[in-house]
């Protein structure tokens, strides 16, 4: 578990994400251990078993050019956060769009 957190800390510094937003949970099954990593308020997740950092289940998935699935996942979070910040407008900039929408649909 300590090794996982160290790896996440290194990657979060590399991709400029907040390390304190990562939560690592350990789930025990009868036969094997499963780790779940969440970023944010359960918004992004990564699931792997036996400390291998290879996963078939994680969200978001955009980047596949890195060495491990964990690094792909963390870089995908960075890409997602950058895209979210580009899509949002300030209140002043969005006022004209909202007014047009209200007139068009008579709200």
Protein backbone atom coordinates (compact mmCIF):
# COMPACT_ATOMS: atom_id res chain seq x y z
CA UNK A 1 0.00 0.00 0.00
CA UNK A 2 2.88 2.37 0.78
CA UNK A 3 4.46 1.63 -2.59
CA UNK A 4 1.19 2.44 -4.34
CA UNK A 5 0.89 5.79 -2.58
CA UNK A 6 4.50 6.66 -3.43
CA UNK A 7 3.89 5.86 -7.09
CA UNK A 8 0.72 7.97 -7.09
CA UNK A 9 2.54 10.84 -5.42
CA UNK A 10 5.28 10.81 -8.07
CA UNK A 11 2.76 10.66 -10.92
CA UNK A 12 0.51 13.34 -9.39
CA UNK A 13 3.48 15.71 -9.20
CA UNK A 14 4.42 14.86 -12.79
CA UNK A 15 0.92 15.57 -14.11
CA UNK A 16 0.20 18.46 -11.72
CA UNK A 17 -2.72 16.85 -9.87
CA UNK A 18 -3.54 17.24 -6.18
CA UNK A 19 -2.17 14.21 -4.31
CA UNK A 20 -4.62 14.63 -1.42
CA UNK A 21 -7.55 14.01 -3.80
CA UNK A 22 -6.41 10.40 -4.35
CA UNK A 23 -7.97 7.73 -2.12
CA UNK A 24 -6.69 4.14 -2.12
CA UNK A 25 -8.99 1.39 -0.87
CA UNK A 26 -8.06 -2.23 -0.38
CA UNK A 27 -10.79 -4.84 -0.93
CA UNK A 28 -10.17 -8.43 0.07
CA UNK A 29 -11.84 -11.25 -1.76
CA UNK A 30 -11.59 -14.90 -0.80
CA UNK A 31 -8.86 -15.60 -3.33
CA UNK A 32 -7.20 -12.28 -4.11
CA UNK A 33 -6.79 -8.68 -3.07
CA UNK A 34 -8.22 -5.88 -5.14
CA UNK A 35 -7.21 -2.23 -4.94
CA UNK A 36 -9.41 0.69 -5.89
CA UNK A 37 -8.03 4.17 -6.40
CA UNK A 38 -10.38 7.14 -6.58
CA UNK A 39 -9.59 10.69 -7.61
CA UNK A 40 -11.89 13.49 -6.53
CA UNK A 41 -15.20 12.63 -4.95
CA UNK A 42 -15.47 9.15 -6.47
CA UNK A 43 -15.44 10.78 -9.87
CA UNK A 44 -12.54 8.84 -11.44
CA UNK A 45 -11.60 5.28 -10.50
CA UNK A 46 -8.86 2.76 -11.17
CA UNK A 47 -9.07 -0.90 -10.19
CA UNK A 48 -6.20 -3.38 -10.09
CA UNK A 49 -5.11 -6.49 -8.23
CA UNK A 50 -1.90 -7.79 -6.72
CA UNK A 51 0.12 -4.57 -7.01
CA UNK A 52 0.73 -4.88 -10.76
CA UNK A 53 -0.84 -1.55 -11.88
CA UNK A 54 -2.51 -3.28 -14.83
CA UNK A 55 -6.22 -2.80 -15.00
CA UNK A 56 -9.11 -3.68 -17.22
CA UNK A 57 -11.43 -1.32 -15.40
CA UNK A 58 -10.72 2.38 -15.09
CA UNK A 59 -12.24 5.70 -16.02
CA UNK A 60 -11.34 7.99 -17.79
CA UNK A 61 -9.37 6.37 -20.58
CA UNK A 62 -7.97 8.69 -23.23
CA UNK A 63 -4.22 8.33 -23.21
CA UNK A 64 -2.58 4.99 -23.99
CA UNK A 65 0.94 6.11 -24.73
CA UNK A 66 2.48 5.68 -21.27
CA UNK A 67 4.29 2.69 -19.73
CA UNK A 68 1.64 1.53 -17.28
CA UNK A 69 -2.14 1.64 -17.04
CA UNK A 70 -1.82 3.66 -13.84
CA UNK A 71 0.14 6.37 -15.61
CA UNK A 72 -2.30 6.29 -18.53
CA UNK A 73 -5.16 6.81 -16.07
CA UNK A 74 -3.50 9.72 -14.26
CA UNK A 75 -2.57 11.45 -17.52
CA UNK A 76 -6.17 10.91 -18.71
CA UNK A 77 -7.44 12.67 -15.59
CA UNK A 78 -5.19 15.62 -16.40
CA UNK A 79 -6.49 15.70 -20.00
CA UNK A 80 -10.10 15.54 -18.75
CA UNK A 81 -9.58 18.36 -16.27
CA UNK A 82 -7.96 20.53 -18.95
CA UNK A 83 -10.87 19.91 -21.32
CA UNK A 84 -13.39 20.72 -18.58
CA UNK A 85 -11.72 24.04 -17.88
CA UNK A 86 -11.77 24.97 -21.56
CA UNK A 87 -15.48 24.25 -21.95
CA UNK A 88 -16.66 26.51 -19.16
CA UNK A 89 -17.35 30.19 -19.74
CA UNK A 90 -17.45 32.97 -17.24
CA UNK A 91 -20.86 34.27 -16.16
CA UNK A 92 -20.49 37.43 -18.24
CA UNK A 93 -19.46 35.50 -21.37
CA UNK A 94 -22.27 32.98 -21.02
CA UNK A 95 -25.06 35.55 -20.49
CA UNK A 96 -25.69 36.15 -24.18
CA UNK A 97 -25.82 32.40 -24.86
CA UNK A 98 -28.29 31.90 -22.02
CA UNK A 99 -30.49 34.76 -23.28
CA UNK A 100 -30.58 33.30 -26.79
CA UNK A 101 -31.48 29.88 -25.34
CA UNK A 102 -34.29 31.42 -23.25
CA UNK A 103 -35.77 33.24 -26.24
CA UNK A 104 -35.53 30.21 -28.51
CA UNK A 105 -37.27 27.81 -26.13
CA UNK A 106 -39.46 30.43 -24.38
CA UNK A 107 -38.24 29.67 -20.88
